[in-house]
Amino acid sequence: MNVRKLRLFDTDNLYSSDDRDEYEKDYSRLIQSPAFRRLQGKSQVFGAGSGDYYRTRLTHSLEVSQIAREVARRLDKSYPFLSQKLHPGLMIDPEVVEVAALAHDLGHPPFGHKGEEVLNDVLQKEHGLKYEGNAQNFRILMFLEKRAGSDSGLDLTAAALLGINKYPYCIDEPGRVKGVFRREWEGIEYLRGLWGMPEGCATLEAQLMDLCDDIAYSTHDLEDGIRAGKIPVGTNFYEDERLVTHLVQEIVDDPGNKGMNWEGLDLKSTVRIVLSQFVRQWEEIYAENGRDTSRTRRENKARWVRRYASQVGIIDDPARGWKRVTFVRDGQEDLELLRTMEILKKLAWVTLIKDFRVQRLHKRSEVMIRRLWDSFKEYETGRLIIPPDWLENYEQQQGKWPWERMVADYISGMTDAYAEKVYGEFFASRSGSIYERD
C-alpha cells in the first residue's frame, strides 16, 4: 500500500479514473472546486474589488504555488536523501507541494484576518467553539466540498492533506490557537499514525509550503503597498523613527518569533539595516530601469523572491529528531535571512494593515459579519433565510455539525462581495431583485 497516495474514503479509487496520477487528480479536484474559485473574491491585504492590480487570495495562492513548486524541484536535485524514500514525511514531491500551496488559504473568511477574528470571537463567547482559517481548510477539504461518490469533501490523498497541515495539532485542545478541528483531526491523526509522524512535526512538504507562503507575503504584499502609495521608498524611508519603533514593537509582541535569536541584538539597528538594504536595492534597480517605477517595482519583487527561494534548504532538527525546511547558508540555518524576511513581513503589516483607512475597512467588515451572524445564529429564524441547499445538507447531517458551526461555515465561505450583498438585503433600505442567483 502506498500510504502517500492513500485516500481516507475512496480507498479503491471507485470514483476516479485510472488514467491519471493520484496527485493530478488532487490538483483537478481542487482547482475545479467552488471553494477555490471563491478565493478570487476574498481579500489578501486590500479589499477584493479595490482595483485590478492588487492581489486577492486567489492570485496570492497561485503565486505561492509557483514558488513552492520550483523550490521543490531544486531541493529534489540537491538532497539525495529525498529520493531514498526513508519516510513518507521526508519526501518532497513538487505536485504535492503545489496542491498544498493552492489549498492553504481556502479557510479564510471574507474580509481577511478581521473576518477570522470576528467569527472566532462570536463562536467562543457564545458557544465555546473556535474558528481558525487553517482549521477551516480541513472543514472544506474533508467535509463541506462535494464530489461524486463522496459526502466527505474532496477526499484528497494523504500526502496532500498532510502537506496542507502545517499545524499538526487538534485546535480544540485547551490553549491551542491553530490546528485542526476535532472532527477532521481524527482523519489527520489516523494518517499521521499510519505514516509514523513524530508528534508535533509537519511533513517537509508542509514546511516548504509554509515557508513559501511567507516568501510571497513578504515580497508581493510589499509590491502592492508600493503600488498603492502606502510604502514610500526613499532615502528618508529607513530613518523614520516612528516606523522603526513600530516594527520593533511588532517583533517583540509576536510569539511566533521564537527561535530567531532576537535576544542580544540591537533591534532598532537591525531593522534600520534591513530597511536600508531594501531602499538601496530599490534605488539601484530604479537607475538600471531608466527611472521607470513600474518596472522597478516588479524587478525589486522578483529579486527578493529569488534571494529567498535560492536559500531554501533542509537541515537536521535534533531537538525533534526530524528535519526542518528553512533558509540555509553553509550547511547552517541562515538566521540573518530569516530575520530579514520577518522584518519585511512586519513592514507590510505596519504600513498596510495598520493604515487607518484599512482599519476603517476592517471596522466596517466587523460590523457586517457580526450582524450577519446575529441574523443566522438562531435556528428557528435562521433556517428561513439560509439557502435551501445549506439547510438540506444540515438536516441530513445534523449529527456531524451543530447549527452554530454550520452558520460559521456558511459565512466563512462568502466572498467579500457576497457578504456585502447579503448584508445589504438585510439592512440596506433598498437592494436588487430577490430573484438574483445566490
Protein backbone atom coordinates (compact mmCIF):
# COMPACT_ATOMS: atom_id res chain seq x y z
CA MET A 1 0.00 0.00 0.00
CA ASN A 2 1.31 3.43 -0.98
CA VAL A 3 0.49 5.41 2.17
CA ARG A 4 1.25 8.72 0.45
CA LYS A 5 -1.43 8.18 -2.20
CA LEU A 6 -3.99 6.68 0.17
CA ARG A 7 -7.42 8.32 0.31
CA LEU A 8 -9.41 8.17 3.52
CA PHE A 9 -12.71 7.25 1.88
CA ASP A 10 -12.35 6.17 -1.76
CA THR A 11 -9.60 3.69 -0.91
CA ASP A 12 -10.24 1.58 -4.01
CA ASN A 13 -10.50 4.53 -6.42
CA LEU A 14 -14.03 3.58 -7.39
CA TYR A 15 -14.94 7.18 -8.13
CA SER A 16 -11.88 8.34 -10.04
CA SER A 17 -10.32 7.34 -13.33
CA ASP A 18 -7.16 5.27 -13.58
CA ASP A 19 -5.55 7.21 -16.41
CA ARG A 20 -4.00 9.94 -14.21
CA ASP A 21 -1.64 10.01 -11.28
CA GLU A 22 -3.32 10.46 -7.90
CA TYR A 23 -1.71 13.86 -7.35
CA GLU A 24 -3.01 15.02 -10.73
CA LYS A 25 -6.48 14.07 -9.54
CA ASP A 26 -5.92 16.08 -6.36
CA TYR A 27 -4.98 19.11 -8.44
CA SER A 28 -8.05 18.76 -10.66
CA ARG A 29 -10.42 18.30 -7.73
CA LEU A 30 -9.01 21.36 -6.04
CA ILE A 31 -8.96 23.90 -8.86
CA GLN A 32 -12.43 22.86 -10.04
CA SER A 33 -13.95 23.27 -6.58
CA PRO A 34 -16.23 26.22 -5.74
CA ALA A 35 -14.12 26.96 -2.65
CA PHE A 36 -11.07 27.55 -4.85
CA ARG A 37 -12.97 29.80 -7.26
CA ARG A 38 -14.29 31.89 -4.38
CA LEU A 39 -10.72 32.88 -3.47
CA GLN A 40 -10.87 35.39 -6.34
CA GLY A 41 -13.41 37.36 -4.31
CA LYS A 42 -11.60 37.28 -0.95
CA SER A 43 -9.24 39.97 0.36
CA GLN A 44 -5.50 39.49 0.62
CA VAL A 45 -4.46 42.88 2.00
CA PHE A 46 -6.61 45.33 0.08
CA GLY A 47 -10.29 44.52 -0.20
CA ALA A 48 -11.23 42.36 -3.17
CA GLY A 49 -12.53 44.79 -5.76
CA SER A 50 -10.15 47.59 -4.69
CA GLY A 51 -8.59 47.51 -8.15
CA ASP A 52 -7.47 45.17 -10.90
CA TYR A 53 -3.82 45.38 -9.83
CA TYR A 54 -3.97 44.23 -6.23
CA ARG A 55 -3.71 40.63 -5.17
CA THR A 56 -6.63 38.56 -3.92
CA ARG A 57 -6.46 35.28 -2.01
CA LEU A 58 -6.58 33.50 -5.37
CA THR A 59 -3.65 35.28 -7.01
CA HIS A 60 -1.69 35.01 -3.76
CA SER A 61 -2.29 31.24 -3.65
CA LEU A 62 -1.23 30.86 -7.28
CA GLU A 63 1.99 32.76 -6.62
CA VAL A 64 2.78 30.70 -3.52
CA SER A 65 2.24 27.51 -5.52
CA GLN A 66 4.60 28.67 -8.28
CA ILE A 67 7.38 29.49 -5.83
CA ALA A 68 6.86 26.27 -3.87
CA ARG A 69 6.83 24.06 -6.95
CA GLU A 70 10.09 25.50 -8.30
CA VAL A 71 11.85 25.28 -4.93
CA ALA A 72 10.64 21.69 -4.53
CA ARG A 73 12.19 20.74 -7.86
CA ARG A 74 15.51 22.27 -6.86
CA LEU A 75 15.53 20.58 -3.46
CA ASP A 76 14.81 17.20 -5.06
CA LYS A 77 18.00 17.59 -7.08
CA SER A 78 20.08 18.97 -4.19
CA TYR A 79 19.31 16.50 -1.37
CA PRO A 80 19.91 12.83 -2.29
CA PHE A 81 18.11 11.53 0.81
CA LEU A 82 14.80 12.78 -0.60
CA SER A 83 14.91 10.19 -3.39
CA GLN A 84 15.72 7.39 -0.94
CA LYS A 85 12.15 7.49 0.44
CA LEU A 86 13.33 6.95 4.00
CA HIS A 87 9.98 8.07 5.41
CA PRO A 88 6.72 9.25 3.77
CA GLY A 89 7.05 12.57 5.60
CA LEU A 90 10.67 13.06 4.48
CA MET A 91 9.89 13.34 0.79
CA ILE A 92 9.19 16.36 -1.40
CA ASP A 93 7.03 15.89 -4.46
CA PRO A 94 6.55 19.15 -6.46
CA GLU A 95 2.98 18.18 -7.39
CA VAL A 96 2.03 17.65 -3.75
CA VAL A 97 3.61 20.95 -2.68
CA GLU A 98 1.77 22.73 -5.48
CA VAL A 99 -1.60 21.34 -4.36
CA ALA A 100 -0.86 22.19 -0.72
CA ALA A 101 0.03 25.78 -1.65
CA LEU A 102 -3.11 26.20 -3.75
CA ALA A 103 -5.26 24.98 -0.86
CA HIS A 104 -3.55 26.71 2.06
CA ASP A 105 -5.93 29.71 2.21
CA LEU A 106 -9.28 28.08 1.42
CA GLY A 107 -10.46 28.50 5.00
CA HIS A 108 -10.10 32.27 5.14
CA PRO A 109 -13.45 34.05 5.52
CA PRO A 110 -14.40 37.30 3.78
CA PHE A 111 -12.51 40.46 4.71
CA GLY A 112 -9.24 38.74 5.55
CA HIS A 113 -7.96 38.28 9.07
CA LYS A 114 -10.64 40.58 10.51
CA GLY A 115 -13.33 38.12 9.38
CA GLU A 116 -11.41 35.28 11.03
CA GLU A 117 -11.06 37.27 14.25
CA VAL A 118 -14.76 38.13 14.45
CA LEU A 119 -16.02 34.60 13.75
CA ASN A 120 -13.68 33.20 16.38
CA ASP A 121 -14.87 35.81 18.87
CA VAL A 122 -18.61 35.12 18.47
CA LEU A 123 -18.20 31.34 18.45
CA GLN A 124 -16.03 31.31 21.55
CA LYS A 125 -18.14 33.75 23.56
CA GLU A 126 -21.50 32.22 22.68
CA HIS A 127 -20.72 28.52 22.23
CA GLY A 128 -17.20 27.79 23.44
CA LEU A 129 -16.16 26.85 19.90
CA LYS A 130 -13.19 28.09 17.89
CA TYR A 131 -12.79 29.40 14.38
CA GLU A 132 -9.41 29.50 12.64
CA GLY A 133 -8.55 29.68 8.96
CA ASN A 134 -6.15 26.74 8.83
CA ALA A 135 -8.64 24.51 10.64
CA GLN A 136 -11.40 25.69 8.29
CA ASN A 137 -9.27 24.49 5.37
CA PHE A 138 -9.86 20.95 6.56
CA ARG A 139 -13.57 21.56 7.14
CA ILE A 140 -13.77 22.45 3.46
CA LEU A 141 -11.49 19.74 2.10
CA MET A 142 -12.77 16.90 4.29
CA PHE A 143 -16.45 17.74 4.78
CA LEU A 144 -18.02 20.79 3.11
CA GLU A 145 -16.92 20.35 -0.51
CA LYS A 146 -18.77 17.72 -2.52
CA ARG A 147 -17.74 15.46 -5.35
CA ALA A 148 -19.20 12.36 -7.00
CA GLY A 149 -19.24 9.37 -4.68
CA SER A 150 -18.25 11.32 -1.58
CA ASP A 151 -20.07 13.25 1.12
CA SER A 152 -16.75 13.84 2.86
CA GLY A 153 -15.16 16.65 0.90
CA LEU A 154 -12.70 16.28 -1.96
CA ASP A 155 -11.06 13.17 -0.43
CA LEU A 156 -7.52 14.24 -1.33
CA THR A 157 -4.53 11.92 -0.96
CA ALA A 158 -2.81 11.57 2.39
CA ALA A 159 0.27 13.39 1.04
CA ALA A 160 -1.82 16.40 0.01
CA LEU A 161 -3.74 16.58 3.29
CA LEU A 162 -0.61 16.32 5.41
CA GLY A 163 1.15 18.76 3.07
CA ILE A 164 -1.51 21.36 3.97
CA ASN A 165 -1.30 20.55 7.68
CA LYS A 166 1.38 22.98 8.86
CA TYR A 167 -0.06 22.98 12.40
CA PRO A 168 -0.29 19.24 13.29
CA TYR A 169 -2.44 19.61 16.38
CA CYS A 170 -6.09 19.40 17.40
CA ILE A 171 -7.14 23.01 17.87
CA ASP A 172 -9.86 22.01 20.34
CA GLU A 173 -7.25 21.12 22.93
CA PRO A 174 -7.00 23.77 25.68
CA GLY A 175 -4.56 26.56 24.82
CA ARG A 176 -4.30 25.78 21.10
CA VAL A 177 -4.88 28.72 18.78
CA LYS A 178 -4.02 26.96 15.50
CA GLY A 179 -4.54 23.41 14.28
CA VAL A 180 -7.38 21.22 13.03
CA PHE A 181 -10.93 20.93 14.41
CA ARG A 182 -11.53 17.69 16.30
CA ARG A 183 -13.80 16.07 13.71
CA GLU A 184 -11.27 16.46 10.89
CA TRP A 185 -8.33 15.86 13.24
CA GLU A 186 -9.48 12.25 13.66
CA GLY A 187 -8.71 11.63 9.99
CA ILE A 188 -5.47 13.61 10.02
CA GLU A 189 -4.31 11.86 13.20
CA TYR A 190 -5.06 8.48 11.62
CA LEU A 191 -2.93 9.33 8.59
CA ARG A 192 -0.11 10.67 10.73
CA GLY A 193 -0.16 7.45 12.76
CA LEU A 194 -0.10 5.38 9.57
CA TRP A 195 2.94 7.35 8.41
CA GLY A 196 4.67 7.23 11.80
CA MET A 197 4.92 11.02 12.02
CA PRO A 198 6.65 12.34 15.16
CA GLU A 199 4.30 14.27 17.42
CA GLY A 200 4.13 17.97 16.59
CA CYS A 201 6.22 17.64 13.41
CA ALA A 202 4.97 18.65 9.97
CA THR A 203 5.99 16.91 6.75
CA LEU A 204 8.75 18.50 4.70
CA GLU A 205 6.12 19.37 2.08
CA ALA A 206 4.00 21.24 4.64
CA GLN A 207 7.07 23.09 5.94
CA LEU A 208 8.08 24.09 2.42
CA MET A 209 4.58 25.34 1.60
CA ASP A 210 4.55 27.39 4.80
CA LEU A 211 7.95 28.98 4.13
CA CYS A 212 6.99 29.84 0.54
CA ASP A 213 3.80 31.45 1.86
CA ASP A 214 6.00 33.71 4.00
CA ILE A 215 8.22 34.47 0.99
CA ALA A 216 5.21 35.54 -1.03
CA TYR A 217 3.74 37.57 1.80
CA SER A 218 6.97 39.47 2.48
CA THR A 219 7.51 40.36 -1.20
CA HIS A 220 4.18 40.51 -3.03
CA ASP A 221 2.29 42.40 -0.34
CA LEU A 222 5.10 44.95 -0.24
CA GLU A 223 4.81 45.32 -4.02
CA ASP A 224 1.08 46.01 -3.64
CA GLY A 225 1.80 48.52 -0.88
CA ILE A 226 4.31 50.42 -3.01
CA ARG A 227 1.88 50.42 -5.93
CA ALA A 228 -0.85 51.82 -3.65
CA GLY A 229 1.43 54.58 -2.38
CA LYS A 230 1.31 53.25 1.19
CA ILE A 231 5.04 52.48 1.28
CA PRO A 232 7.10 55.47 0.09
CA VAL A 233 10.52 54.14 -0.89
CA GLY A 234 13.10 56.89 -0.50
CA THR A 235 16.28 57.88 1.30
CA ASN A 236 14.35 59.01 4.39
CA PHE A 237 12.36 55.79 4.50
CA TYR A 238 14.53 53.85 6.94
CA GLU A 239 15.24 56.92 9.08
CA ASP A 240 11.62 57.35 10.16
CA GLU A 241 11.84 56.81 13.92
CA ARG A 242 8.13 56.07 14.31
CA LEU A 243 8.24 53.37 11.63
CA VAL A 244 11.31 51.73 13.18
CA THR A 245 9.73 51.81 16.64
CA HIS A 246 6.52 50.22 15.34
CA LEU A 247 8.44 47.47 13.59
CA VAL A 248 10.46 46.69 16.71
CA GLN A 249 7.29 46.53 18.78
CA GLU A 250 5.64 44.14 16.32
CA ILE A 251 8.67 41.84 16.56
CA VAL A 252 8.67 41.93 20.35
CA ASP A 253 4.92 41.28 20.58
CA ASP A 254 4.83 38.37 18.10
CA PRO A 255 5.03 34.99 19.90
CA GLY A 256 5.80 33.31 16.58
CA ASN A 257 9.23 34.93 16.50
CA LYS A 258 10.76 32.49 18.96
CA GLY A 259 13.76 30.66 17.55
CA MET A 260 15.14 33.59 15.54
CA ASN A 261 17.51 34.60 18.33
CA TRP A 262 16.47 38.23 18.51
CA GLU A 263 17.84 38.31 22.04
CA GLY A 264 21.10 40.18 22.32
CA LEU A 265 20.54 42.09 19.08
CA ASP A 266 20.09 45.81 18.85
CA LEU A 267 16.62 45.57 17.30
CA LYS A 268 16.42 49.17 16.13
CA SER A 269 19.79 48.91 14.43
CA THR A 270 18.85 45.56 12.84
CA VAL A 271 15.59 46.98 11.48
CA ARG A 272 17.34 50.04 10.08
CA ILE A 273 19.93 47.87 8.31
CA VAL A 274 17.22 45.78 6.60
CA LEU A 275 15.23 48.86 5.56
CA SER A 276 18.45 50.43 4.26
CA GLN A 277 19.16 47.31 2.18
CA PHE A 278 15.63 47.42 0.80
CA VAL A 279 15.93 51.09 -0.20
CA ARG A 280 19.43 50.67 -1.62
CA GLN A 281 18.35 47.79 -3.87
CA TRP A 282 15.31 49.77 -4.98
CA GLU A 283 17.47 52.74 -5.97
CA GLU A 284 19.91 50.53 -7.91
CA ILE A 285 17.08 48.90 -9.87
CA TYR A 286 15.42 52.28 -10.40
CA ALA A 287 18.59 53.59 -12.05
CA GLU A 288 19.03 50.42 -14.12
CA ASN A 289 15.48 50.69 -15.47
CA GLY A 290 15.61 54.29 -16.60
CA ARG A 291 13.70 55.57 -13.57
CA ASP A 292 10.64 53.55 -14.57
CA THR A 293 8.74 52.99 -11.32
CA SER A 294 6.53 50.20 -12.65
CA ARG A 295 9.44 48.11 -13.93
CA THR A 296 11.42 48.84 -10.75
CA ARG A 297 8.60 47.64 -8.57
CA ARG A 298 8.30 44.31 -10.38
CA GLU A 299 12.05 43.72 -10.64
CA ASN A 300 12.56 44.55 -6.98
CA LYS A 301 9.94 41.98 -6.01
CA ALA A 302 11.48 39.39 -8.32
CA ARG A 303 14.97 39.82 -6.86
CA TRP A 304 13.74 39.41 -3.29
CA VAL A 305 11.82 36.28 -4.24
CA ARG A 306 14.89 34.90 -5.98
CA ARG A 307 17.08 35.67 -3.00
CA TYR A 308 14.77 33.88 -0.58
CA ALA A 309 13.94 30.93 -2.83
CA SER A 310 17.57 30.22 -3.66
CA GLN A 311 18.44 29.90 0.04
CA VAL A 312 15.71 27.42 0.99
CA GLY A 313 17.25 24.18 2.20
CA ILE A 314 16.86 21.32 4.67
CA ILE A 315 18.71 20.84 7.96
CA ASP A 316 18.55 18.34 10.81
CA ASP A 317 16.35 19.24 13.76
CA PRO A 318 17.95 17.27 16.64
CA ALA A 319 15.52 18.62 19.23
CA ARG A 320 12.66 16.85 17.47
CA GLY A 321 14.53 14.04 15.79
CA TRP A 322 13.23 15.28 12.46
CA LYS A 323 14.28 17.61 9.62
CA ARG A 324 13.43 21.24 9.01
CA VAL A 325 12.92 23.31 5.89
CA THR A 326 14.40 26.77 6.36
CA PHE A 327 16.89 29.21 4.86
CA VAL A 328 20.32 27.58 4.78
CA ARG A 329 23.80 29.01 4.28
CA ASP A 330 26.99 26.93 4.56
CA GLY A 331 25.02 24.00 5.96
CA GLN A 332 23.55 26.04 8.84
CA GLU A 333 20.26 27.85 9.34
CA ASP A 334 20.54 31.36 7.91
CA LEU A 335 19.05 33.32 10.80
CA GLU A 336 20.03 36.64 9.26
CA LEU A 337 17.90 35.99 6.19
CA LEU A 338 15.02 34.68 8.33
CA ARG A 339 15.11 37.87 10.37
CA THR A 340 15.29 39.98 7.21
CA MET A 341 12.16 38.33 5.85
CA GLU A 342 10.38 38.75 9.18
CA ILE A 343 11.18 42.46 9.28
CA LEU A 344 9.84 42.95 5.75
CA LYS A 345 6.70 40.98 6.66
CA LYS A 346 6.24 43.31 9.61
CA LEU A 347 6.82 46.28 7.30
CA ALA A 348 3.86 45.17 5.19
CA TRP A 349 1.77 44.71 8.34
CA VAL A 350 2.63 48.08 9.89
CA THR A 351 2.26 50.16 6.73
CA LEU A 352 -0.70 48.37 5.14
CA ILE A 353 -2.83 46.52 7.68
CA LYS A 354 -2.45 49.22 10.34
CA ASP A 355 -3.13 52.09 7.95
CA PHE A 356 -6.14 53.99 9.30
CA ARG A 357 -8.08 53.58 6.03
CA VAL A 358 -7.57 49.81 6.10
CA GLN A 359 -8.57 49.84 9.76
CA ARG A 360 -11.77 51.66 8.82
CA LEU A 361 -12.46 48.97 6.26
CA HIS A 362 -11.83 46.35 8.95
CA LYS A 363 -14.25 48.08 11.30
CA ARG A 364 -16.91 48.11 8.60
CA SER A 365 -16.21 44.42 7.92
CA GLU A 366 -16.53 43.60 11.61
CA VAL A 367 -19.95 45.26 11.79
CA MET A 368 -21.17 43.34 8.75
CA ILE A 369 -20.01 39.92 9.95
CA ARG A 370 -21.38 40.40 13.46
CA ARG A 371 -24.78 41.43 12.11
CA LEU A 372 -24.82 38.55 9.63
CA TRP A 373 -24.01 36.20 12.49
CA ASP A 374 -26.83 37.62 14.60
CA SER A 375 -29.21 37.19 11.68
CA PHE A 376 -28.48 33.48 11.18
CA LYS A 377 -27.47 32.20 14.60
CA GLU A 378 -30.93 31.19 15.90
CA TYR A 379 -32.14 28.05 14.18
CA GLU A 380 -35.87 28.90 14.12
CA THR A 381 -35.34 32.21 12.35
CA GLY A 382 -32.05 31.48 10.61
CA ARG A 383 -33.40 28.45 8.73
CA LEU A 384 -35.91 30.72 6.97
CA ILE A 385 -33.18 32.84 5.38
CA ILE A 386 -30.40 30.29 4.77
CA PRO A 387 -30.09 28.96 1.18
CA PRO A 388 -32.08 25.72 0.70
CA ASP A 389 -29.09 23.56 -0.19
CA TRP A 390 -27.34 24.50 3.05
CA LEU A 391 -30.47 23.81 5.08
CA GLU A 392 -30.99 20.45 3.38
CA ASN A 393 -27.38 19.45 3.94
CA TYR A 394 -27.59 20.46 7.59
CA GLU A 395 -30.78 18.48 8.19
CA GLN A 396 -29.31 15.39 6.51
CA GLN A 397 -26.16 15.51 8.65
CA GLN A 398 -27.23 17.13 11.91
CA GLY A 399 -25.15 14.70 13.94
CA LYS A 400 -21.97 15.97 12.26
CA TRP A 401 -22.31 19.69 12.97
CA PRO A 402 -24.27 21.92 15.32
CA TRP A 403 -26.26 24.81 13.84
CA GLU A 404 -23.75 27.42 15.00
CA ARG A 405 -20.89 25.63 13.23
CA MET A 406 -22.97 25.44 10.07
CA VAL A 407 -23.64 29.20 10.24
CA ALA A 408 -19.91 29.87 10.65
CA ASP A 409 -19.22 27.59 7.67
CA TYR A 410 -21.77 29.49 5.58
CA ILE A 411 -20.50 32.96 6.47
CA SER A 412 -16.84 31.99 6.13
CA GLY A 413 -17.45 30.65 2.63
CA MET A 414 -18.76 34.01 1.42
CA THR A 415 -16.70 36.25 -0.81
CA ASP A 416 -16.36 39.89 0.22
CA ALA A 417 -18.91 40.96 -2.38
CA TYR A 418 -21.43 38.26 -1.48
CA ALA A 419 -21.19 39.12 2.22
CA GLU A 420 -21.92 42.75 1.35
CA LYS A 421 -24.82 41.67 -0.87
CA VAL A 422 -26.48 39.60 1.85
CA TYR A 423 -25.84 42.34 4.39
CA GLY A 424 -27.48 44.83 2.03
CA GLU A 425 -30.52 42.59 1.61
CA PHE A 426 -30.98 42.50 5.38
CA PHE A 427 -30.08 46.02 6.42
CA ALA A 428 -29.98 48.41 3.45
CA SER A 429 -33.06 50.42 2.57
CA ARG A 430 -33.05 49.06 -0.96
CA SER A 431 -31.44 46.10 -2.71
CA GLY A 432 -31.55 44.34 -6.06
CA SER A 433 -34.09 41.85 -7.34
CA ILE A 434 -34.94 38.96 -4.99
CA TYR A 435 -34.55 36.65 -7.98
CA GLU A 436 -30.80 37.19 -8.27
CA ARG A 437 -28.97 33.87 -8.05
CA ASP A 438 -27.29 33.13 -4.72
